[in-house]
Amino acid sequence: MRSNEVAKLAGVSVRTLRHYHSLGLLPEPPRSDNGYRDYTAADVARVLRIKRLASLGFPLARIGAVLEEMDAPKADPNTGSTTTGTAPSPMSALEELDCELALEIERLQEQRRTIAALRAENLDPDLPVRFSRVLRMLPGVDTLADASPADRTALIVAGHLYDDDELGELERVIECIASENLVQALEQLDERLGALAPDAPETERAALVEESLEALAPVIACFDTANWLRPSTDRERFLDEIAFEGNNPAQQDVCDRIERRIETIMAERVRAERAGGTTEADSAASPRST
């Protein structure tokens, strides 16, 4: 029997037969005198079994082992002799496949839930759902299309690299900015930073640092000290590079000073918590007893 006849009987293509040969699933039959492969009925049966197992969901890479297991000699419980069985034993390949398919169904259902959320809320599909929702909280930004090219790049990278703790802190920060009515003040400070000349004088830089820290005070109170006082990870350094890309020397100097001051505030907070006291800033904000 030639390959085209086998393919027709089994409902596959000749190319599929060749693929089975290349994977070792179907042994190469001997060739007849005219050079054509000479298949037997057993070969047709083998192809049909491969096709059936593939239709159940077995990957081709596993089908050879499954067939070996199914055809392996099995002991007769009555005589102790071995026979060739045609069904796999308990806890065998079929059970493993069923577990894999159950997990795959669960994964697909989760994908459908995610897609439903993206459609219902009109969220950016190339961002995680939670980060897309956080993005909506930013003033003037509804989707990635509303961001500048540079901000878009930073948001995409952050959206995929932020972990749950960092997203939680970001949510708290954005909620604080809204509740404290800080949007306009922070936008003005950002504009001043953007307009800072590379050779801006020290007085201008120092003033911008102090005013920024004053405006950011409620936001800094939302920060998690653990995120600020541990060594930066490679991921965080990469995100910083994106955030600060394009800064001139004066702008970077201001950003670095603000970051160092925040780190100092975080360290003071930790010391105060360990001592059971309050920081100088907390004391200044507390009412005096009379």
C-alpha atoms as a PDB file:
ATOM      1  CA  MET A   1       0.000   0.000   0.000  1.00  0.00           C
ATOM      2  CA  ARG A   2       1.417   3.388  -0.994  1.00  0.00           C
ATOM      3  CA  SER A   3       1.542   6.508   1.135  1.00  0.00           C
ATOM      4  CA  ASN A   4      -1.252   8.297  -0.724  1.00  0.00           C
ATOM      5  CA  GLU A   5      -3.566   5.317  -0.145  1.00  0.00           C
ATOM      6  CA  VAL A   6      -2.731   5.212   3.570  1.00  0.00           C
ATOM      7  CA  ALA A   7      -3.277   8.951   3.852  1.00  0.00           C
ATOM      8  CA  LYS A   8      -6.660   8.711   2.160  1.00  0.00           C
ATOM      9  CA  LEU A   9      -7.834   5.828   4.341  1.00  0.00           C
ATOM     10  CA  ALA A  10      -6.680   7.525   7.558  1.00  0.00           C
ATOM     11  CA  GLY A  11      -7.959  10.977   6.604  1.00  0.00           C
ATOM     12  CA  VAL A  12      -4.567  12.677   6.788  1.00  0.00           C
ATOM     13  CA  SER A  13      -2.179  14.140   4.248  1.00  0.00           C
ATOM     14  CA  VAL A  14       0.950  12.511   2.848  1.00  0.00           C
ATOM     15  CA  ARG A  15       2.858  15.371   4.435  1.00  0.00           C
ATOM     16  CA  THR A  16       1.429  14.358   7.815  1.00  0.00           C
ATOM     17  CA  LEU A  17       2.693  10.813   7.280  1.00  0.00           C
ATOM     18  CA  ARG A  18       6.163  12.164   6.587  1.00  0.00           C
ATOM     19  CA  HIS A  19       5.917  14.264   9.755  1.00  0.00           C
ATOM     20  CA  TYR A  20       5.008  11.166  11.777  1.00  0.00           C
ATOM     21  CA  HIS A  21       8.034   9.418  10.292  1.00  0.00           C
ATOM     22  CA  SER A  22      10.317  12.337  11.215  1.00  0.00           C
ATOM     23  CA  LEU A  23       9.069  12.267  14.819  1.00  0.00           C
ATOM     24  CA  GLY A  24       9.539   8.530  15.091  1.00  0.00           C
ATOM     25  CA  LEU A  25       5.821   7.942  15.645  1.00  0.00           C
ATOM     26  CA  LEU A  26       5.419   5.877  12.503  1.00  0.00           C
ATOM     27  CA  PRO A  27       8.199   3.455  11.548  1.00  0.00           C
ATOM     28  CA  GLU A  28       9.552   3.746   8.041  1.00  0.00           C
ATOM     29  CA  PRO A  29       8.130   0.803   6.025  1.00  0.00           C
ATOM     30  CA  PRO A  30      10.332  -1.154   3.648  1.00  0.00           C
ATOM     31  CA  ARG A  31      10.416  -0.002   0.045  1.00  0.00           C
ATOM     32  CA  SER A  32       9.204  -2.149  -2.828  1.00  0.00           C
ATOM     33  CA  ASP A  33      11.274  -2.863  -5.913  1.00  0.00           C
ATOM     34  CA  ASN A  34       9.992   0.301  -7.591  1.00  0.00           C
ATOM     35  CA  GLY A  35      11.271   2.430  -4.675  1.00  0.00           C
ATOM     36  CA  TYR A  36       7.894   3.304  -3.134  1.00  0.00           C
ATOM     37  CA  ARG A  37       7.211   2.812   0.573  1.00  0.00           C
ATOM     38  CA  ASP A  38       5.131  -0.307   1.087  1.00  0.00           C
ATOM     39  CA  TYR A  39       2.706   0.199   3.999  1.00  0.00           C
ATOM     40  CA  THR A  40       0.690  -2.547   5.706  1.00  0.00           C
ATOM     41  CA  ALA A  41      -2.640  -2.628   7.484  1.00  0.00           C
ATOM     42  CA  ALA A  42      -0.745  -2.363  10.775  1.00  0.00           C
ATOM     43  CA  ASP A  43       0.699   0.945   9.574  1.00  0.00           C
ATOM     44  CA  VAL A  44      -2.799   2.213   8.786  1.00  0.00           C
ATOM     45  CA  ALA A  45      -3.911   1.192  12.286  1.00  0.00           C
ATOM     46  CA  ARG A  46      -0.905   2.997  13.775  1.00  0.00           C
ATOM     47  CA  VAL A  47      -1.743   6.187  11.903  1.00  0.00           C
ATOM     48  CA  LEU A  48      -5.380   6.002  13.023  1.00  0.00           C
ATOM     49  CA  ARG A  49      -4.305   5.557  16.655  1.00  0.00           C
ATOM     50  CA  ILE A  50      -1.936   8.525  16.424  1.00  0.00           C
ATOM     51  CA  LYS A  51      -4.689  10.641  14.868  1.00  0.00           C
ATOM     52  CA  ARG A  52      -7.135   9.611  17.605  1.00  0.00           C
ATOM     53  CA  LEU A  53      -4.766  10.403  20.480  1.00  0.00           C
ATOM     54  CA  ALA A  54      -3.916  13.744  18.899  1.00  0.00           C
ATOM     55  CA  SER A  55      -7.630  14.565  18.650  1.00  0.00           C
ATOM     56  CA  LEU A  56      -7.977  13.892  22.401  1.00  0.00           C
ATOM     57  CA  GLY A  57      -5.351  16.524  23.085  1.00  0.00           C
ATOM     58  CA  PHE A  58      -2.160  14.525  23.440  1.00  0.00           C
ATOM     59  CA  PRO A  59       0.789  16.439  21.966  1.00  0.00           C
ATOM     60  CA  LEU A  60       2.609  14.531  19.252  1.00  0.00           C
ATOM     61  CA  ALA A  61       5.756  14.543  21.372  1.00  0.00           C
ATOM     62  CA  ARG A  62       3.976  12.349  23.951  1.00  0.00           C
ATOM     63  CA  ILE A  63       1.972  10.064  21.716  1.00  0.00           C
ATOM     64  CA  GLY A  64       4.839   7.633  21.120  1.00  0.00           C
ATOM     65  CA  ALA A  65       5.225   7.029  24.859  1.00  0.00           C
ATOM     66  CA  VAL A  66       1.452   6.717  25.283  1.00  0.00           C
ATOM     67  CA  LEU A  67       1.277   4.055  22.586  1.00  0.00           C
ATOM     68  CA  GLU A  68       4.164   2.195  24.185  1.00  0.00           C
ATOM     69  CA  GLU A  69       2.368   2.248  27.526  1.00  0.00           C
ATOM     70  CA  MET A  70      -0.857   1.026  25.981  1.00  0.00           C
ATOM     71  CA  ASP A  71       0.912  -1.809  24.146  1.00  0.00           C
ATOM     72  CA  ALA A  72       3.206  -2.822  26.984  1.00  0.00           C
ATOM     73  CA  PRO A  73       2.763  -6.417  28.262  1.00  0.00           C
ATOM     74  CA  LYS A  74       0.564  -6.525  31.356  1.00  0.00           C
ATOM     75  CA  ALA A  75       0.415  -9.230  33.999  1.00  0.00           C
ATOM     76  CA  ASP A  76      -2.692 -11.451  34.102  1.00  0.00           C
ATOM     77  CA  PRO A  77      -3.931 -11.325  37.723  1.00  0.00           C
ATOM     78  CA  ASN A  78      -5.118 -14.953  37.501  1.00  0.00           C
ATOM     79  CA  THR A  79      -2.172 -16.679  35.861  1.00  0.00           C
ATOM     80  CA  GLY A  80       0.663 -14.223  36.432  1.00  0.00           C
ATOM     81  CA  SER A  81       1.540 -14.392  32.766  1.00  0.00           C
ATOM     82  CA  THR A  82       1.889 -11.243  30.696  1.00  0.00           C
ATOM     83  CA  THR A  83      -0.452 -10.192  27.920  1.00  0.00           C
ATOM     84  CA  THR A  84      -0.591  -7.205  25.619  1.00  0.00           C
ATOM     85  CA  GLY A  85      -3.301  -4.819  26.734  1.00  0.00           C
ATOM     86  CA  THR A  86      -4.997  -2.128  24.703  1.00  0.00           C
ATOM     87  CA  ALA A  87      -6.049   0.204  27.528  1.00  0.00           C
ATOM     88  CA  PRO A  88      -3.831   2.248  29.798  1.00  0.00           C
ATOM     89  CA  SER A  89      -3.646   1.430  33.468  1.00  0.00           C
ATOM     90  CA  PRO A  90      -5.105   3.706  36.192  1.00  0.00           C
ATOM     91  CA  MET A  91      -3.181   6.961  36.824  1.00  0.00           C
ATOM     92  CA  SER A  92      -1.750   6.712  33.340  1.00  0.00           C
ATOM     93  CA  ALA A  93      -1.579   8.990  30.357  1.00  0.00           C
ATOM     94  CA  LEU A  94      -5.336   9.545  30.012  1.00  0.00           C
ATOM     95  CA  GLU A  95      -5.659  10.708  33.600  1.00  0.00           C
ATOM     96  CA  GLU A  96      -2.666  12.992  33.198  1.00  0.00           C
ATOM     97  CA  LEU A  97      -4.176  14.399  30.021  1.00  0.00           C
ATOM     98  CA  ASP A  98      -7.506  14.973  31.762  1.00  0.00           C
ATOM     99  CA  CYS A  99      -5.741  16.980  34.488  1.00  0.00           C
ATOM    100  CA  GLU A 100      -3.859  18.996  31.879  1.00  0.00           C
ATOM    101  CA  LEU A 101      -7.061  19.727  29.972  1.00  0.00           C
ATOM    102  CA  ALA A 102      -8.804  20.796  33.185  1.00  0.00           C
ATOM    103  CA  LEU A 103      -5.985  23.267  33.851  1.00  0.00           C
ATOM    104  CA  GLU A 104      -6.141  24.465  30.253  1.00  0.00           C
ATOM    105  CA  ILE A 105      -9.902  25.014  30.533  1.00  0.00           C
ATOM    106  CA  GLU A 106      -9.343  26.984  33.748  1.00  0.00           C
ATOM    107  CA  ARG A 107      -6.695  29.085  31.993  1.00  0.00           C
ATOM    108  CA  LEU A 108      -9.008  29.761  29.051  1.00  0.00           C
ATOM    109  CA  GLN A 109     -11.857  30.713  31.369  1.00  0.00           C
ATOM    110  CA  GLU A 110      -9.555  33.172  33.138  1.00  0.00           C
ATOM    111  CA  GLN A 111      -8.580  34.594  29.753  1.00  0.00           C
ATOM    112  CA  ARG A 112     -12.241  35.057  28.876  1.00  0.00           C
ATOM    113  CA  ARG A 113     -12.885  36.844  32.192  1.00  0.00           C
ATOM    114  CA  THR A 114      -9.947  39.142  31.493  1.00  0.00           C
ATOM    115  CA  ILE A 115     -11.160  39.866  27.967  1.00  0.00           C
ATOM    116  CA  ALA A 116     -14.657  40.564  29.299  1.00  0.00           C
ATOM    117  CA  ALA A 117     -13.234  43.100  31.768  1.00  0.00           C
ATOM    118  CA  LEU A 118     -11.152  44.761  29.058  1.00  0.00           C
ATOM    119  CA  ARG A 119     -14.196  45.087  26.804  1.00  0.00           C
ATOM    120  CA  ALA A 120     -16.611  46.198  29.515  1.00  0.00           C
ATOM    121  CA  GLU A 121     -14.284  48.897  30.869  1.00  0.00           C
ATOM    122  CA  ASN A 122     -12.630  49.801  27.558  1.00  0.00           C
ATOM    123  CA  LEU A 123      -9.187  49.136  29.033  1.00  0.00           C
ATOM    124  CA  ASP A 124      -5.889  48.948  27.144  1.00  0.00           C
ATOM    125  CA  PRO A 125      -5.488  45.288  26.101  1.00  0.00           C
ATOM    126  CA  ASP A 126      -1.677  45.446  26.105  1.00  0.00           C
ATOM    127  CA  LEU A 127      -1.573  46.266  29.843  1.00  0.00           C
ATOM    128  CA  PRO A 128      -2.520  44.165  32.874  1.00  0.00           C
ATOM    129  CA  VAL A 129      -6.097  44.890  33.984  1.00  0.00           C
ATOM    130  CA  ARG A 130      -5.152  46.274  37.397  1.00  0.00           C
ATOM    131  CA  PHE A 131      -2.587  48.667  35.960  1.00  0.00           C
ATOM    132  CA  SER A 132      -5.048  49.795  33.271  1.00  0.00           C
ATOM    133  CA  ARG A 133      -7.478  50.685  36.036  1.00  0.00           C
ATOM    134  CA  VAL A 134      -4.741  52.571  37.897  1.00  0.00           C
ATOM    135  CA  LEU A 135      -3.968  54.419  34.663  1.00  0.00           C
ATOM    136  CA  ARG A 136      -7.551  55.655  34.577  1.00  0.00           C
ATOM    137  CA  MET A 137      -6.951  57.292  37.946  1.00  0.00           C
ATOM    138  CA  LEU A 138      -4.183  59.519  36.573  1.00  0.00           C
ATOM    139  CA  PRO A 139      -5.370  63.048  35.745  1.00  0.00           C
ATOM    140  CA  GLY A 140      -5.664  63.646  32.009  1.00  0.00           C
ATOM    141  CA  VAL A 141      -4.939  60.016  31.123  1.00  0.00           C
ATOM    142  CA  ASP A 142      -7.731  57.628  30.164  1.00  0.00           C
ATOM    143  CA  THR A 143      -5.813  55.240  27.912  1.00  0.00           C
ATOM    144  CA  LEU A 144      -2.236  54.909  26.674  1.00  0.00           C
ATOM    145  CA  ALA A 145      -3.240  56.921  23.608  1.00  0.00           C
ATOM    146  CA  ASP A 146      -3.546  59.998  25.852  1.00  0.00           C
ATOM    147  CA  ALA A 147       0.094  59.789  26.996  1.00  0.00           C
ATOM    148  CA  SER A 148       3.122  61.238  25.248  1.00  0.00           C
ATOM    149  CA  PRO A 149       5.397  58.763  23.435  1.00  0.00           C
ATOM    150  CA  ALA A 150       7.963  58.878  26.250  1.00  0.00           C
ATOM    151  CA  ASP A 151       5.322  58.484  28.957  1.00  0.00           C
ATOM    152  CA  ARG A 152       3.662  55.716  26.957  1.00  0.00           C
ATOM    153  CA  THR A 153       6.891  53.710  26.930  1.00  0.00           C
ATOM    154  CA  ALA A 154       7.393  54.221  30.656  1.00  0.00           C
ATOM    155  CA  LEU A 155       3.786  53.259  31.449  1.00  0.00           C
ATOM    156  CA  ILE A 156       3.900  50.074  29.357  1.00  0.00           C
ATOM    157  CA  VAL A 157       7.133  48.915  30.991  1.00  0.00           C
ATOM    158  CA  ALA A 158       5.935  49.822  34.488  1.00  0.00           C
ATOM    159  CA  GLY A 159       2.583  48.154  33.917  1.00  0.00           C
ATOM    160  CA  HIS A 160       4.230  44.839  33.166  1.00  0.00           C
ATOM    161  CA  LEU A 161       7.066  45.033  35.702  1.00  0.00           C
ATOM    162  CA  TYR A 162       5.328  46.402  38.807  1.00  0.00           C
ATOM    163  CA  ASP A 163       4.483  43.757  41.380  1.00  0.00           C
ATOM    164  CA  ASP A 164       1.338  43.770  43.543  1.00  0.00           C
ATOM    165  CA  ASP A 165       2.970  45.697  46.388  1.00  0.00           C
ATOM    166  CA  GLU A 166       4.181  48.415  44.036  1.00  0.00           C
ATOM    167  CA  LEU A 167       0.775  48.641  42.372  1.00  0.00           C
ATOM    168  CA  GLY A 168      -0.825  48.959  45.793  1.00  0.00           C
ATOM    169  CA  GLU A 169       1.472  51.852  46.660  1.00  0.00           C
ATOM    170  CA  LEU A 170       0.782  53.497  43.291  1.00  0.00           C
ATOM    171  CA  GLU A 171      -2.961  53.263  43.920  1.00  0.00           C
ATOM    172  CA  ARG A 172      -2.555  54.862  47.355  1.00  0.00           C
ATOM    173  CA  VAL A 173      -0.423  57.654  45.914  1.00  0.00           C
ATOM    174  CA  ILE A 174      -2.880  58.490  43.136  1.00  0.00           C
ATOM    175  CA  GLU A 175      -5.827  58.432  45.559  1.00  0.00           C
ATOM    176  CA  CYS A 176      -3.891  60.748  47.868  1.00  0.00           C
ATOM    177  CA  ILE A 177      -3.110  63.178  45.043  1.00  0.00           C
ATOM    178  CA  ALA A 178      -6.806  63.340  44.198  1.00  0.00           C
ATOM    179  CA  SER A 179      -8.074  63.614  47.791  1.00  0.00           C
ATOM    180  CA  GLU A 180      -5.515  66.290  48.707  1.00  0.00           C
ATOM    181  CA  ASN A 181      -6.216  68.286  45.518  1.00  0.00           C
ATOM    182  CA  LEU A 182      -2.559  68.136  44.525  1.00  0.00           C
ATOM    183  CA  VAL A 183      -3.010  67.699  40.780  1.00  0.00           C
ATOM    184  CA  GLN A 184      -2.575  71.336  39.797  1.00  0.00           C
ATOM    185  CA  ALA A 185       0.322  71.937  42.189  1.00  0.00           C
ATOM    186  CA  LEU A 186       2.223  68.866  40.957  1.00  0.00           C
ATOM    187  CA  GLU A 187       1.576  69.764  37.325  1.00  0.00           C
ATOM    188  CA  GLN A 188       3.029  73.235  37.928  1.00  0.00           C
ATOM    189  CA  LEU A 189       6.088  71.760  39.639  1.00  0.00           C
ATOM    190  CA  ASP A 190       6.532  69.344  36.741  1.00  0.00           C
ATOM    191  CA  GLU A 191       6.370  72.233  34.292  1.00  0.00           C
ATOM    192  CA  ARG A 192       9.015  74.119  36.274  1.00  0.00           C
ATOM    193  CA  LEU A 193      11.241  71.045  36.302  1.00  0.00           C
ATOM    194  CA  GLY A 194      10.793  70.654  32.554  1.00  0.00           C
ATOM    195  CA  ALA A 195      11.752  74.291  32.005  1.00  0.00           C
ATOM    196  CA  LEU A 196      14.854  74.096  34.210  1.00  0.00           C
ATOM    197  CA  ALA A 197      17.944  75.062  32.211  1.00  0.00           C
ATOM    198  CA  PRO A 198      20.983  72.752  32.253  1.00  0.00           C
ATOM    199  CA  ASP A 199      22.992  75.462  34.023  1.00  0.00           C
ATOM    200  CA  ALA A 200      20.235  76.558  36.386  1.00  0.00           C
ATOM    201  CA  PRO A 201      21.667  78.254  39.498  1.00  0.00           C
ATOM    202  CA  GLU A 202      21.797  76.505  42.848  1.00  0.00           C
ATOM    203  CA  THR A 203      19.169  78.808  44.362  1.00  0.00           C
ATOM    204  CA  GLU A 204      16.639  77.824  41.688  1.00  0.00           C
ATOM    205  CA  ARG A 205      17.399  74.120  42.089  1.00  0.00           C
ATOM    206  CA  ALA A 206      17.222  74.215  45.892  1.00  0.00           C
ATOM    207  CA  ALA A 207      13.940  76.132  45.831  1.00  0.00           C
ATOM    208  CA  LEU A 208      12.370  73.605  43.462  1.00  0.00           C
ATOM    209  CA  VAL A 209      13.489  70.731  45.696  1.00  0.00           C
ATOM    210  CA  GLU A 210      11.996  72.307  48.817  1.00  0.00           C
ATOM    211  CA  GLU A 211       8.716  73.256  47.151  1.00  0.00           C
ATOM    212  CA  SER A 212       8.403  69.783  45.643  1.00  0.00           C
ATOM    213  CA  LEU A 213       8.938  68.083  49.000  1.00  0.00           C
ATOM    214  CA  GLU A 214       6.416  70.396  50.640  1.00  0.00           C
ATOM    215  CA  ALA A 215       3.798  69.577  47.994  1.00  0.00           C
ATOM    216  CA  LEU A 216       4.623  65.866  48.123  1.00  0.00           C
ATOM    217  CA  ALA A 217       4.386  65.589  51.917  1.00  0.00           C
ATOM    218  CA  PRO A 218       0.933  63.894  51.917  1.00  0.00           C
ATOM    219  CA  VAL A 219       2.085  61.586  49.130  1.00  0.00           C
ATOM    220  CA  ILE A 220       5.289  60.632  50.925  1.00  0.00           C
ATOM    221  CA  ALA A 221       3.158  59.613  53.910  1.00  0.00           C
ATOM    222  CA  CYS A 222       1.665  56.890  51.661  1.00  0.00           C
ATOM    223  CA  PHE A 223       5.044  55.408  50.782  1.00  0.00           C
ATOM    224  CA  ASP A 224       6.109  52.031  52.120  1.00  0.00           C
ATOM    225  CA  THR A 225       9.444  52.420  53.886  1.00  0.00           C
ATOM    226  CA  ALA A 226      10.475  48.901  52.838  1.00  0.00           C
ATOM    227  CA  ASN A 227      10.356  49.915  49.182  1.00  0.00           C
ATOM    228  CA  TRP A 228      12.648  52.895  49.771  1.00  0.00           C
ATOM    229  CA  LEU A 229      15.271  51.607  52.172  1.00  0.00           C
ATOM    230  CA  ARG A 230      16.262  48.343  50.488  1.00  0.00           C
ATOM    231  CA  PRO A 231      18.770  48.153  47.618  1.00  0.00           C
ATOM    232  CA  SER A 232      17.259  48.845  44.201  1.00  0.00           C
ATOM    233  CA  THR A 233      16.607  45.862  41.967  1.00  0.00           C
ATOM    234  CA  ASP A 234      17.693  45.665  38.319  1.00  0.00           C
ATOM    235  CA  ARG A 235      14.048  46.119  37.366  1.00  0.00           C
ATOM    236  CA  GLU A 236      13.738  49.295  39.447  1.00  0.00           C
ATOM    237  CA  ARG A 237      16.964  50.721  38.043  1.00  0.00           C
ATOM    238  CA  PHE A 238      15.678  50.094  34.531  1.00  0.00           C
ATOM    239  CA  LEU A 239      12.409  51.872  35.334  1.00  0.00           C
ATOM    240  CA  ASP A 240      14.389  54.821  36.745  1.00  0.00           C
ATOM    241  CA  GLU A 241      16.420  55.014  33.541  1.00  0.00           C
ATOM    242  CA  ILE A 242      13.217  55.286  31.534  1.00  0.00           C
ATOM    243  CA  ALA A 243      11.685  57.846  33.891  1.00  0.00           C
ATOM    244  CA  PHE A 244      14.761  60.088  33.882  1.00  0.00           C
ATOM    245  CA  GLU A 245      15.675  59.667  30.215  1.00  0.00           C
ATOM    246  CA  GLY A 246      16.126  63.050  28.570  1.00  0.00           C
ATOM    247  CA  ASN A 247      16.753  64.969  31.794  1.00  0.00           C
ATOM    248  CA  ASN A 248      19.424  67.610  31.586  1.00  0.00           C
ATOM    249  CA  PRO A 249      22.038  67.833  34.411  1.00  0.00           C
ATOM    250  CA  ALA A 250      20.075  70.347  36.473  1.00  0.00           C
ATOM    251  CA  GLN A 251      16.818  68.416  36.157  1.00  0.00           C
ATOM    252  CA  GLN A 252      18.516  65.174  37.156  1.00  0.00           C
ATOM    253  CA  ASP A 253      20.190  66.893  40.084  1.00  0.00           C
ATOM    254  CA  VAL A 254      16.808  68.073  41.376  1.00  0.00           C
ATOM    255  CA  CYS A 255      15.286  64.592  40.958  1.00  0.00           C
ATOM    256  CA  ASP A 256      18.229  62.975  42.753  1.00  0.00           C
ATOM    257  CA  ARG A 257      17.994  65.436  45.644  1.00  0.00           C
ATOM    258  CA  ILE A 258      14.268  64.830  46.047  1.00  0.00           C
ATOM    259  CA  GLU A 259      14.831  61.075  46.061  1.00  0.00           C
ATOM    260  CA  ARG A 260      17.607  61.298  48.646  1.00  0.00           C
ATOM    261  CA  ARG A 261      15.448  63.493  50.877  1.00  0.00           C
ATOM    262  CA  ILE A 262      12.575  61.032  50.653  1.00  0.00           C
ATOM    263  CA  GLU A 263      14.959  58.231  51.623  1.00  0.00           C
ATOM    264  CA  THR A 264      16.011  60.298  54.651  1.00  0.00           C
ATOM    265  CA  ILE A 265      12.363  60.818  55.618  1.00  0.00           C
ATOM    266  CA  MET A 266      11.735  57.083  55.300  1.00  0.00           C
ATOM    267  CA  ALA A 267      14.755  56.293  57.490  1.00  0.00           C
ATOM    268  CA  GLU A 268      13.559  58.771  60.129  1.00  0.00           C
ATOM    269  CA  ARG A 269      10.122  57.174  60.064  1.00  0.00           C
ATOM    270  CA  VAL A 270      11.589  53.722  60.679  1.00  0.00           C
ATOM    271  CA  ARG A 271      13.744  54.990  63.560  1.00  0.00           C
ATOM    272  CA  ALA A 272      10.740  56.707  65.114  1.00  0.00           C
ATOM    273  CA  GLU A 273       8.579  53.599  64.778  1.00  0.00           C
ATOM    274  CA  ARG A 274      11.245  51.458  66.392  1.00  0.00           C
ATOM    275  CA  ALA A 275      11.608  53.967  69.215  1.00  0.00           C
ATOM    276  CA  GLY A 276       7.852  54.236  69.580  1.00  0.00           C
ATOM    277  CA  GLY A 277       8.009  57.952  68.965  1.00  0.00           C
ATOM    278  CA  THR A 278       7.270  60.339  66.140  1.00  0.00           C
ATOM    279  CA  THR A 279       9.386  62.086  63.563  1.00  0.00           C
ATOM    280  CA  GLU A 280      10.064  65.804  63.654  1.00  0.00           C
ATOM    281  CA  ALA A 281       7.562  66.259  60.834  1.00  0.00           C
ATOM    282  CA  ASP A 282       4.917  64.319  62.785  1.00  0.00           C
ATOM    283  CA  SER A 283       5.533  66.441  65.875  1.00  0.00           C
ATOM    284  CA  ALA A 284       5.176  69.637  63.892  1.00  0.00           C
ATOM    285  CA  ALA A 285       1.863  68.465  62.491  1.00  0.00           C
ATOM    286  CA  SER A 286       0.480  67.379  65.899  1.00  0.00           C
ATOM    287  CA  PRO A 287      -1.555  69.822  68.055  1.00  0.00           C
ATOM    288  CA  ARG A 288       0.286  71.091  71.126  1.00  0.00           C
ATOM    289  CA  SER A 289      -1.133  70.208  74.499  1.00  0.00           C
ATOM    290  CA  THR A 290      -2.099  73.146  76.694  1.00  0.00           C
END
